[in-house]
Amino acid sequence: MSSHRLTANRFVVAAALSISALAGAGSAALAQSFPFGQVLVLDAPRIGALKRVPVITTETDGTATIDLWCKTVPARLTVEGASLKVETAPLPEAMPQYMMSGQCSDERLQADVETLTALTQVTQWQRRGDHVSLSGPDGAPALRFSLSSH
């Protein structure tokens, strides 16, 4: 009788481990879906007094709008597994109509160039809950975004 109980216990433990592994795999797969149709907010400190930080507004068809520190560019995001390619239009010369003169310092304009350059060099993405990290070549710092709750 004790050997039947031992076998039954092993079966219960094996079944529990299998269910746990499947649940974990399901959660991992769910956590790994790229957040198309959502807004991603760059986790970065503000530059100057303005609250604006870069955001990427993604559409389900892969098109996107990237609102940088000052300027805005259209983009296309191509996702294949963990690979990501970000193709953008060049930075426009003119400031957006809603930006008042003096709102964009040289520091913010330079940050636009640097952020857009980093985005176009992205090759990989990873999602963990409400956070998405975009990374490029070895040694380049990852860009970390949070999903907007608005």
C-alpha atoms as a PDB file:
ATOM      1  CA  MET A   1       0.000   0.000   0.000  1.00  0.00           C
ATOM      2  CA  SER A   2       2.828   2.392   0.728  1.00  0.00           C
ATOM      3  CA  SER A   3       4.253   1.860  -2.781  1.00  0.00           C
ATOM      4  CA  HIS A   4       0.841   2.819  -4.270  1.00  0.00           C
ATOM      5  CA  ARG A   5       0.795   5.942  -2.116  1.00  0.00           C
ATOM      6  CA  LEU A   6       4.379   6.807  -3.190  1.00  0.00           C
ATOM      7  CA  THR A   7       3.455   6.334  -6.866  1.00  0.00           C
ATOM      8  CA  ALA A   8       0.306   8.433  -6.429  1.00  0.00           C
ATOM      9  CA  ASN A   9       2.284  11.183  -4.717  1.00  0.00           C
ATOM     10  CA  ARG A  10       4.836  11.197  -7.552  1.00  0.00           C
ATOM     11  CA  PHE A  11       1.992  11.448 -10.067  1.00  0.00           C
ATOM     12  CA  VAL A  12       0.429  14.377  -8.187  1.00  0.00           C
ATOM     13  CA  VAL A  13       3.781  16.163  -7.941  1.00  0.00           C
ATOM     14  CA  ALA A  14       4.533  15.536 -11.640  1.00  0.00           C
ATOM     15  CA  ALA A  15       1.068  16.771 -12.657  1.00  0.00           C
ATOM     16  CA  ALA A  16       1.419  19.879 -10.497  1.00  0.00           C
ATOM     17  CA  LEU A  17       4.828  20.625 -11.991  1.00  0.00           C
ATOM     18  CA  SER A  18       3.471  20.159 -15.530  1.00  0.00           C
ATOM     19  CA  ILE A  19       0.523  22.464 -14.880  1.00  0.00           C
ATOM     20  CA  SER A  20       2.831  25.019 -13.299  1.00  0.00           C
ATOM     21  CA  ALA A  21       5.214  24.859 -16.261  1.00  0.00           C
ATOM     22  CA  LEU A  22       2.350  25.258 -18.728  1.00  0.00           C
ATOM     23  CA  ALA A  23       0.944  28.198 -16.802  1.00  0.00           C
ATOM     24  CA  GLY A  24       4.386  29.790 -16.710  1.00  0.00           C
ATOM     25  CA  ALA A  25       4.873  29.229 -20.432  1.00  0.00           C
ATOM     26  CA  GLY A  26       1.475  30.762 -21.112  1.00  0.00           C
ATOM     27  CA  SER A  27       2.326  33.776 -18.987  1.00  0.00           C
ATOM     28  CA  ALA A  28       5.703  34.130 -20.674  1.00  0.00           C
ATOM     29  CA  ALA A  29       4.118  33.950 -24.106  1.00  0.00           C
ATOM     30  CA  LEU A  30       1.524  36.527 -23.097  1.00  0.00           C
ATOM     31  CA  ALA A  31       4.206  38.775 -21.602  1.00  0.00           C
ATOM     32  CA  GLN A  32       6.195  38.547 -24.828  1.00  0.00           C
ATOM     33  CA  SER A  33       3.559  39.975 -27.189  1.00  0.00           C
ATOM     34  CA  PHE A  34       4.607  43.302 -28.659  1.00  0.00           C
ATOM     35  CA  PRO A  35       2.246  46.059 -27.496  1.00  0.00           C
ATOM     36  CA  PHE A  36       0.853  47.145 -30.851  1.00  0.00           C
ATOM     37  CA  GLY A  37      -2.102  49.503 -30.500  1.00  0.00           C
ATOM     38  CA  GLN A  38      -0.679  51.068 -27.342  1.00  0.00           C
ATOM     39  CA  VAL A  39       1.394  54.048 -26.233  1.00  0.00           C
ATOM     40  CA  LEU A  40       4.940  53.496 -24.946  1.00  0.00           C
ATOM     41  CA  VAL A  41       6.454  56.194 -22.714  1.00  0.00           C
ATOM     42  CA  LEU A  42      10.246  56.429 -22.495  1.00  0.00           C
ATOM     43  CA  ASP A  43      11.508  55.979 -18.934  1.00  0.00           C
ATOM     44  CA  ALA A  44      13.712  59.068 -18.869  1.00  0.00           C
ATOM     45  CA  PRO A  45      14.072  62.147 -16.719  1.00  0.00           C
ATOM     46  CA  ARG A  46      12.654  65.386 -18.043  1.00  0.00           C
ATOM     47  CA  ILE A  47      14.931  67.805 -19.810  1.00  0.00           C
ATOM     48  CA  GLY A  48      14.283  71.276 -18.483  1.00  0.00           C
ATOM     49  CA  ALA A  49      10.963  72.445 -17.086  1.00  0.00           C
ATOM     50  CA  LEU A  50       8.731  70.777 -19.680  1.00  0.00           C
ATOM     51  CA  LYS A  51       7.095  67.498 -18.668  1.00  0.00           C
ATOM     52  CA  ARG A  52       7.246  66.064 -22.183  1.00  0.00           C
ATOM     53  CA  VAL A  53       9.248  62.858 -22.674  1.00  0.00           C
ATOM     54  CA  PRO A  54       9.367  60.760 -25.839  1.00  0.00           C
ATOM     55  CA  VAL A  55       6.455  58.426 -26.556  1.00  0.00           C
ATOM     56  CA  ILE A  56       5.796  55.913 -29.295  1.00  0.00           C
ATOM     57  CA  THR A  57       2.164  55.504 -30.310  1.00  0.00           C
ATOM     58  CA  THR A  58       1.868  52.140 -32.052  1.00  0.00           C
ATOM     59  CA  GLU A  59      -0.904  50.953 -34.327  1.00  0.00           C
ATOM     60  CA  THR A  60      -1.929  47.340 -34.878  1.00  0.00           C
ATOM     61  CA  ASP A  61      -0.652  47.466 -38.489  1.00  0.00           C
ATOM     62  CA  GLY A  62       2.919  48.333 -37.399  1.00  0.00           C
ATOM     63  CA  THR A  63       2.760  52.040 -38.163  1.00  0.00           C
ATOM     64  CA  ALA A  64       3.728  54.360 -35.356  1.00  0.00           C
ATOM     65  CA  THR A  65       4.199  57.979 -34.400  1.00  0.00           C
ATOM     66  CA  ILE A  66       7.269  58.888 -32.391  1.00  0.00           C
ATOM     67  CA  ASP A  67       6.888  62.061 -30.351  1.00  0.00           C
ATOM     68  CA  LEU A  68      10.407  62.985 -29.319  1.00  0.00           C
ATOM     69  CA  TRP A  69      11.518  65.703 -26.900  1.00  0.00           C
ATOM     70  CA  CYS A  70      10.481  68.381 -29.405  1.00  0.00           C
ATOM     71  CA  LYS A  71       9.681  66.945 -32.810  1.00  0.00           C
ATOM     72  CA  THR A  72       7.461  64.168 -34.139  1.00  0.00           C
ATOM     73  CA  VAL A  73       8.221  61.589 -36.844  1.00  0.00           C
ATOM     74  CA  PRO A  74       6.208  58.792 -38.436  1.00  0.00           C
ATOM     75  CA  ALA A  75       7.642  55.276 -38.216  1.00  0.00           C
ATOM     76  CA  ARG A  76       7.112  51.644 -39.108  1.00  0.00           C
ATOM     77  CA  LEU A  77       7.835  48.868 -36.589  1.00  0.00           C
ATOM     78  CA  THR A  78       8.573  45.385 -37.895  1.00  0.00           C
ATOM     79  CA  VAL A  79       8.532  42.613 -35.300  1.00  0.00           C
ATOM     80  CA  GLU A  80       9.690  39.050 -35.923  1.00  0.00           C
ATOM     81  CA  GLY A  81       9.963  37.108 -32.688  1.00  0.00           C
ATOM     82  CA  ALA A  82      12.354  39.014 -30.450  1.00  0.00           C
ATOM     83  CA  SER A  83      13.710  41.047 -33.388  1.00  0.00           C
ATOM     84  CA  LEU A  84      12.541  44.596 -33.987  1.00  0.00           C
ATOM     85  CA  LYS A  85      13.291  47.015 -36.778  1.00  0.00           C
ATOM     86  CA  VAL A  86      12.313  50.681 -36.439  1.00  0.00           C
ATOM     87  CA  GLU A  87      12.216  52.656 -39.675  1.00  0.00           C
ATOM     88  CA  THR A  88      11.506  56.377 -39.391  1.00  0.00           C
ATOM     89  CA  ALA A  89      11.197  59.427 -41.540  1.00  0.00           C
ATOM     90  CA  PRO A  90      13.958  61.993 -41.028  1.00  0.00           C
ATOM     91  CA  LEU A  91      13.516  64.628 -38.347  1.00  0.00           C
ATOM     92  CA  PRO A  92      11.547  67.523 -39.792  1.00  0.00           C
ATOM     93  CA  GLU A  93      13.250  70.899 -40.019  1.00  0.00           C
ATOM     94  CA  ALA A  94      10.251  72.810 -38.665  1.00  0.00           C
ATOM     95  CA  MET A  95       8.970  72.687 -35.128  1.00  0.00           C
ATOM     96  CA  PRO A  96       5.472  71.291 -34.518  1.00  0.00           C
ATOM     97  CA  GLN A  97       2.768  73.949 -34.694  1.00  0.00           C
ATOM     98  CA  TYR A  98       1.811  73.514 -31.048  1.00  0.00           C
ATOM     99  CA  MET A  99       5.369  74.215 -29.854  1.00  0.00           C
ATOM    100  CA  MET A 100       5.925  77.804 -28.868  1.00  0.00           C
ATOM    101  CA  SER A 101       9.154  79.591 -29.607  1.00  0.00           C
ATOM    102  CA  GLY A 102      11.754  78.832 -26.955  1.00  0.00           C
ATOM    103  CA  GLN A 103      10.160  75.589 -25.722  1.00  0.00           C
ATOM    104  CA  CYS A 104      12.886  73.495 -27.283  1.00  0.00           C
ATOM    105  CA  SER A 105      16.368  74.184 -26.038  1.00  0.00           C
ATOM    106  CA  ASP A 106      19.462  73.072 -27.912  1.00  0.00           C
ATOM    107  CA  GLU A 107      19.752  70.274 -25.335  1.00  0.00           C
ATOM    108  CA  ARG A 108      16.236  68.991 -26.156  1.00  0.00           C
ATOM    109  CA  LEU A 109      16.837  69.259 -29.925  1.00  0.00           C
ATOM    110  CA  GLN A 110      20.087  67.279 -29.542  1.00  0.00           C
ATOM    111  CA  ALA A 111      18.212  64.711 -27.439  1.00  0.00           C
ATOM    112  CA  ASP A 112      15.746  64.325 -30.361  1.00  0.00           C
ATOM    113  CA  VAL A 113      18.625  63.433 -32.676  1.00  0.00           C
ATOM    114  CA  GLU A 114      20.190  61.019 -30.165  1.00  0.00           C
ATOM    115  CA  THR A 115      16.892  59.313 -29.292  1.00  0.00           C
ATOM    116  CA  LEU A 116      15.891  58.895 -32.937  1.00  0.00           C
ATOM    117  CA  THR A 117      19.342  57.516 -33.772  1.00  0.00           C
ATOM    118  CA  ALA A 118      19.089  55.021 -30.903  1.00  0.00           C
ATOM    119  CA  LEU A 119      15.602  53.938 -32.039  1.00  0.00           C
ATOM    120  CA  THR A 120      16.730  53.332 -35.628  1.00  0.00           C
ATOM    121  CA  GLN A 121      19.573  51.145 -34.322  1.00  0.00           C
ATOM    122  CA  VAL A 122      17.241  48.892 -32.314  1.00  0.00           C
ATOM    123  CA  THR A 123      17.451  45.223 -33.244  1.00  0.00           C
ATOM    124  CA  GLN A 124      15.801  43.445 -30.289  1.00  0.00           C
ATOM    125  CA  TRP A 125      12.887  43.968 -27.926  1.00  0.00           C
ATOM    126  CA  GLN A 126      11.769  42.369 -24.699  1.00  0.00           C
ATOM    127  CA  ARG A 127       8.577  42.833 -22.734  1.00  0.00           C
ATOM    128  CA  ARG A 128       8.132  42.244 -19.025  1.00  0.00           C
ATOM    129  CA  GLY A 129       4.655  43.141 -17.868  1.00  0.00           C
ATOM    130  CA  ASP A 130       4.060  46.833 -18.550  1.00  0.00           C
ATOM    131  CA  HIS A 131       7.677  47.500 -19.538  1.00  0.00           C
ATOM    132  CA  VAL A 132       9.307  47.128 -22.948  1.00  0.00           C
ATOM    133  CA  SER A 133      13.074  47.296 -23.474  1.00  0.00           C
ATOM    134  CA  LEU A 134      14.484  48.037 -26.907  1.00  0.00           C
ATOM    135  CA  SER A 135      18.135  47.227 -27.482  1.00  0.00           C
ATOM    136  CA  GLY A 136      20.578  47.589 -30.316  1.00  0.00           C
ATOM    137  CA  PRO A 137      24.179  46.714 -30.974  1.00  0.00           C
ATOM    138  CA  ASP A 138      26.314  45.294 -28.190  1.00  0.00           C
ATOM    139  CA  GLY A 139      27.266  47.895 -25.663  1.00  0.00           C
ATOM    140  CA  ALA A 140      24.493  50.343 -26.575  1.00  0.00           C
ATOM    141  CA  PRO A 141      22.228  51.111 -23.618  1.00  0.00           C
ATOM    142  CA  ALA A 142      18.699  49.744 -23.886  1.00  0.00           C
ATOM    143  CA  LEU A 143      15.775  52.135 -24.154  1.00  0.00           C
ATOM    144  CA  ARG A 144      13.178  51.274 -21.527  1.00  0.00           C
ATOM    145  CA  PHE A 145       9.527  52.171 -22.088  1.00  0.00           C
ATOM    146  CA  SER A 146       6.433  51.822 -19.932  1.00  0.00           C
ATOM    147  CA  LEU A 147       2.972  51.196 -21.310  1.00  0.00           C
ATOM    148  CA  SER A 148       0.829  54.276 -20.845  1.00  0.00           C
ATOM    149  CA  SER A 149      -2.096  53.831 -18.506  1.00  0.00           C
ATOM    150  CA  HIS A 150      -4.060  56.582 -20.292  1.00  0.00           C
END
